Amino acid sequence: MSRGAMQQKKQAPPDTTNAENFYYVKQMQSKTPVVIVLQDGEELHGTLEWYDKGCLKLTREEGPNLLVFKSYIKYLYKQEEA
């Protein structure tokens, strides 16, 4: 490989951007009501209390608080956007 070809090779993007963590922290700090849509279409309403690598804790007014595995989540959005 020529020297010019080596200089043009792009670096791989980082494995993590921390965007997901930033989003969760922002929603937790502002106590933003969110809707979590599960893989089967069920919707859970509440606020995020904490998160870790594998799950989210959803605090709800109607019903018990829930620990939701991220692998069961289809998507999440702010309730005001509904």
N, C-alpha and C. Protein backbone atom coordinates (compact mmCIF):
# COMPACT_ATOMS: atom_id res chain seq x y z
N MET A 1 0.84 -1.17 0.00
CA MET A 1 0.00 0.00 0.00
C MET A 1 0.89 1.24 0.00
N SER A 2 0.53 2.25 -0.77
CA SER A 2 1.33 3.46 -0.82
C SER A 2 1.07 4.32 0.42
N ARG A 3 1.97 5.24 0.65
CA ARG A 3 1.85 6.10 1.83
C ARG A 3 0.59 6.96 1.75
N GLY A 4 0.23 7.43 0.55
CA GLY A 4 -0.97 8.24 0.38
C GLY A 4 -2.24 7.46 0.71
N ALA A 5 -2.26 6.18 0.34
CA ALA A 5 -3.43 5.35 0.62
C ALA A 5 -3.57 5.13 2.13
N MET A 6 -2.46 5.02 2.85
CA MET A 6 -2.53 4.83 4.30
C MET A 6 -3.05 6.08 4.99
N GLN A 7 -2.70 7.25 4.50
CA GLN A 7 -3.15 8.49 5.11
C GLN A 7 -4.64 8.72 4.87
N GLN A 8 -5.19 8.20 3.79
CA GLN A 8 -6.59 8.41 3.47
C GLN A 8 -7.52 7.44 4.19
N LYS A 9 -6.97 6.41 4.78
CA LYS A 9 -7.80 5.43 5.47
C LYS A 9 -8.48 6.09 6.67
N LYS A 10 -9.79 5.95 6.75
CA LYS A 10 -10.55 6.58 7.82
C LYS A 10 -10.54 5.70 9.07
N GLN A 11 -10.61 6.35 10.21
CA GLN A 11 -10.69 5.63 11.46
C GLN A 11 -12.11 5.11 11.65
N ALA A 12 -12.22 3.99 12.32
CA ALA A 12 -13.53 3.42 12.63
C ALA A 12 -14.24 4.32 13.64
N PRO A 13 -15.56 4.43 13.55
CA PRO A 13 -16.28 5.23 14.54
C PRO A 13 -16.19 4.59 15.92
N PRO A 14 -16.37 5.38 16.97
CA PRO A 14 -16.29 4.81 18.32
C PRO A 14 -17.40 3.79 18.56
N ASP A 15 -17.13 2.82 19.44
CA ASP A 15 -18.13 1.80 19.76
C ASP A 15 -19.34 2.39 20.46
N THR A 16 -19.11 3.39 21.33
CA THR A 16 -20.21 4.03 22.04
C THR A 16 -20.10 5.54 21.90
N THR A 17 -21.25 6.18 21.81
CA THR A 17 -21.28 7.64 21.71
C THR A 17 -21.77 8.28 22.99
N ASN A 18 -22.30 7.47 23.90
CA ASN A 18 -22.89 7.93 25.15
C ASN A 18 -24.16 8.74 24.95
N ALA A 19 -24.70 8.78 23.74
CA ALA A 19 -25.93 9.51 23.46
C ALA A 19 -27.10 8.91 24.25
N GLU A 20 -27.17 7.59 24.33
CA GLU A 20 -28.25 6.93 25.05
C GLU A 20 -28.18 7.32 26.53
N ASN A 21 -27.01 7.27 27.13
CA ASN A 21 -26.85 7.64 28.53
C ASN A 21 -27.22 9.10 28.77
N PHE A 22 -26.79 9.99 27.88
CA PHE A 22 -27.11 11.41 28.00
C PHE A 22 -28.62 11.61 27.96
N TYR A 23 -29.32 10.91 27.06
CA TYR A 23 -30.77 11.03 26.93
C TYR A 23 -31.46 10.58 28.22
N TYR A 24 -31.08 9.42 28.75
CA TYR A 24 -31.69 8.91 29.98
C TYR A 24 -31.48 9.88 31.14
N VAL A 25 -30.26 10.36 31.31
CA VAL A 25 -29.95 11.27 32.42
C VAL A 25 -30.78 12.54 32.29
N LYS A 26 -30.89 13.08 31.10
CA LYS A 26 -31.67 14.30 30.88
C LYS A 26 -33.13 14.08 31.25
N GLN A 27 -33.70 12.96 30.84
CA GLN A 27 -35.11 12.68 31.14
C GLN A 27 -35.32 12.43 32.64
N MET A 28 -34.35 11.78 33.29
CA MET A 28 -34.46 11.53 34.73
C MET A 28 -34.39 12.84 35.52
N GLN A 29 -33.45 13.71 35.16
CA GLN A 29 -33.28 14.97 35.88
C GLN A 29 -34.50 15.87 35.75
N SER A 30 -35.12 15.89 34.58
CA SER A 30 -36.28 16.75 34.36
C SER A 30 -37.60 16.06 34.71
N LYS A 31 -37.51 14.77 35.11
CA LYS A 31 -38.71 13.98 35.44
C LYS A 31 -39.75 14.04 34.32
N THR A 32 -39.26 13.91 33.11
CA THR A 32 -40.11 13.96 31.93
C THR A 32 -40.97 12.70 31.84
N PRO A 33 -42.30 12.84 31.71
CA PRO A 33 -43.14 11.65 31.49
C PRO A 33 -42.79 11.02 30.14
N VAL A 34 -42.60 9.71 30.15
CA VAL A 34 -42.24 8.99 28.93
C VAL A 34 -43.20 7.84 28.69
N VAL A 35 -43.21 7.37 27.46
CA VAL A 35 -43.96 6.18 27.08
C VAL A 35 -42.95 5.18 26.56
N ILE A 36 -42.96 3.98 27.13
CA ILE A 36 -42.11 2.89 26.66
C ILE A 36 -43.01 1.92 25.90
N VAL A 37 -42.70 1.68 24.65
CA VAL A 37 -43.46 0.73 23.85
C VAL A 37 -42.65 -0.56 23.80
N LEU A 38 -43.29 -1.64 24.25
CA LEU A 38 -42.62 -2.94 24.28
C LEU A 38 -42.71 -3.63 22.93
N GLN A 39 -41.95 -4.69 22.75
CA GLN A 39 -41.91 -5.44 21.49
C GLN A 39 -43.30 -5.91 21.06
N ASP A 40 -44.17 -6.22 22.03
CA ASP A 40 -45.51 -6.72 21.70
C ASP A 40 -46.53 -5.59 21.50
N GLY A 41 -46.09 -4.33 21.59
CA GLY A 41 -46.98 -3.20 21.37
C GLY A 41 -47.56 -2.60 22.64
N GLU A 42 -47.38 -3.26 23.78
CA GLU A 42 -47.89 -2.72 25.04
C GLU A 42 -47.16 -1.42 25.37
N GLU A 43 -47.91 -0.43 25.88
CA GLU A 43 -47.34 0.86 26.24
C GLU A 43 -47.31 1.02 27.75
N LEU A 44 -46.17 1.47 28.27
CA LEU A 44 -45.99 1.73 29.69
C LEU A 44 -45.74 3.23 29.86
N HIS A 45 -46.45 3.86 30.78
CA HIS A 45 -46.33 5.30 31.01
C HIS A 45 -45.73 5.55 32.38
N GLY A 46 -44.83 6.53 32.48
CA GLY A 46 -44.23 6.89 33.76
C GLY A 46 -43.02 7.77 33.56
N THR A 47 -42.18 7.84 34.58
CA THR A 47 -40.93 8.60 34.50
C THR A 47 -39.77 7.65 34.80
N LEU A 48 -38.63 7.94 34.20
CA LEU A 48 -37.44 7.12 34.42
C LEU A 48 -36.83 7.48 35.77
N GLU A 49 -36.58 6.47 36.59
CA GLU A 49 -35.95 6.70 37.89
C GLU A 49 -34.46 6.42 37.82
N TRP A 50 -34.08 5.31 37.17
CA TRP A 50 -32.67 4.98 36.95
C TRP A 50 -32.56 3.99 35.81
N TYR A 51 -31.32 3.75 35.39
CA TYR A 51 -31.05 2.80 34.31
C TYR A 51 -29.69 2.17 34.55
N ASP A 52 -29.48 1.03 33.91
CA ASP A 52 -28.15 0.43 33.87
C ASP A 52 -27.97 -0.17 32.49
N LYS A 53 -26.99 -1.00 32.34
CA LYS A 53 -26.67 -1.55 31.03
C LYS A 53 -27.82 -2.36 30.43
N GLY A 54 -28.60 -3.04 31.27
CA GLY A 54 -29.62 -3.95 30.76
C GLY A 54 -31.06 -3.58 30.97
N CYS A 55 -31.34 -2.56 31.83
CA CYS A 55 -32.75 -2.28 32.11
C CYS A 55 -32.98 -0.82 32.53
N LEU A 56 -34.27 -0.47 32.55
CA LEU A 56 -34.72 0.85 32.98
C LEU A 56 -35.70 0.66 34.13
N LYS A 57 -35.69 1.56 35.11
CA LYS A 57 -36.71 1.53 36.16
C LYS A 57 -37.71 2.63 35.85
N LEU A 58 -38.96 2.25 35.68
CA LEU A 58 -40.04 3.16 35.35
C LEU A 58 -40.90 3.37 36.59
N THR A 59 -41.01 4.62 37.03
CA THR A 59 -41.87 4.97 38.16
C THR A 59 -43.22 5.39 37.61
N ARG A 60 -44.28 4.76 38.14
CA ARG A 60 -45.62 5.02 37.63
C ARG A 60 -46.53 5.50 38.74
N GLU A 61 -47.50 6.36 38.38
CA GLU A 61 -48.51 6.79 39.34
C GLU A 61 -49.62 5.76 39.42
N GLU A 62 -49.97 5.20 38.28
CA GLU A 62 -51.03 4.19 38.22
C GLU A 62 -50.37 2.81 38.08
N GLY A 63 -50.33 2.08 39.16
CA GLY A 63 -49.72 0.77 39.11
C GLY A 63 -48.35 0.76 39.75
N PRO A 64 -47.80 -0.43 39.91
CA PRO A 64 -46.48 -0.55 40.56
C PRO A 64 -45.36 -0.05 39.65
N ASN A 65 -44.25 0.33 40.27
CA ASN A 65 -43.06 0.69 39.51
C ASN A 65 -42.54 -0.57 38.83
N LEU A 66 -41.88 -0.39 37.69
CA LEU A 66 -41.45 -1.54 36.90
C LEU A 66 -39.97 -1.47 36.57
N LEU A 67 -39.36 -2.61 36.49
CA LEU A 67 -38.00 -2.77 35.98
C LEU A 67 -38.16 -3.41 34.60
N VAL A 68 -37.80 -2.66 33.56
CA VAL A 68 -38.05 -3.11 32.18
C VAL A 68 -36.71 -3.44 31.52
N PHE A 69 -36.57 -4.66 31.03
CA PHE A 69 -35.35 -5.04 30.32
C PHE A 69 -35.29 -4.30 28.99
N LYS A 70 -34.14 -3.73 28.66
CA LYS A 70 -33.98 -2.99 27.41
C LYS A 70 -34.26 -3.87 26.19
N SER A 71 -33.97 -5.15 26.28
CA SER A 71 -34.19 -6.04 25.15
C SER A 71 -35.68 -6.21 24.83
N TYR A 72 -36.56 -5.88 25.75
CA TYR A 72 -38.01 -5.98 25.53
C TYR A 72 -38.59 -4.67 24.99
N ILE A 73 -37.78 -3.61 24.95
CA ILE A 73 -38.26 -2.29 24.53
C ILE A 73 -38.12 -2.13 23.02
N LYS A 74 -39.23 -1.77 22.38
CA LYS A 74 -39.21 -1.49 20.95
C LYS A 74 -38.71 -0.06 20.73
N TYR A 75 -39.32 0.90 21.45
CA TYR A 75 -38.85 2.28 21.44
C TYR A 75 -39.43 3.03 22.63
N LEU A 76 -38.93 4.25 22.85
CA LEU A 76 -39.32 5.09 23.98
C LEU A 76 -39.46 6.51 23.45
N TYR A 77 -40.45 7.24 23.95
CA TYR A 77 -40.58 8.64 23.56
C TYR A 77 -41.17 9.45 24.70
N LYS A 78 -41.00 10.79 24.63
CA LYS A 78 -41.58 11.67 25.63
C LYS A 78 -43.08 11.67 25.46
N GLN A 79 -43.81 11.62 26.58
CA GLN A 79 -45.26 11.54 26.53
C GLN A 79 -45.85 12.77 25.85
N GLU A 80 -45.25 13.93 26.01
CA GLU A 80 -45.77 15.16 25.39
C GLU A 80 -45.78 15.10 23.88
N GLU A 81 -44.94 14.22 23.31
CA GLU A 81 -44.87 14.10 21.84
C GLU A 81 -46.00 13.25 21.28
N ALA A 82 -46.78 12.63 22.15
CA ALA A 82 -47.87 11.75 21.69
C ALA A 82 -49.00 12.54 21.05
